[in-house]
């Protein structure tokens, strides 16, 4: 559960970072 949430959070952060860039 925690790992899945962490992965989702990381993916969302990366997506937002790439979009901002």
Protein backbone atom coordinates (compact mmCIF):
# COMPACT_ATOMS: atom_id res chain seq x y z
CA UNK A 1 0.00 0.00 0.00
CA UNK A 2 2.62 2.50 1.04
CA UNK A 3 4.86 1.56 -1.89
CA UNK A 4 2.00 1.97 -4.33
CA UNK A 5 1.09 5.37 -2.90
CA UNK A 6 4.72 6.48 -2.96
CA UNK A 7 5.07 5.40 -6.58
CA UNK A 8 1.91 7.26 -7.55
CA UNK A 9 3.13 10.37 -5.74
CA UNK A 10 6.50 10.21 -7.48
CA UNK A 11 4.88 9.70 -10.88
CA UNK A 12 2.58 12.69 -10.30
CA UNK A 13 5.51 14.85 -9.18
CA UNK A 14 7.60 13.86 -12.20
CA UNK A 15 4.66 14.51 -14.54
CA UNK A 16 4.11 17.97 -13.03
CA UNK A 17 7.85 18.73 -13.19
CA UNK A 18 8.06 17.69 -16.85
CA UNK A 19 4.95 19.72 -17.64
CA UNK A 20 6.38 22.79 -15.90
CA UNK A 21 9.67 22.38 -17.75
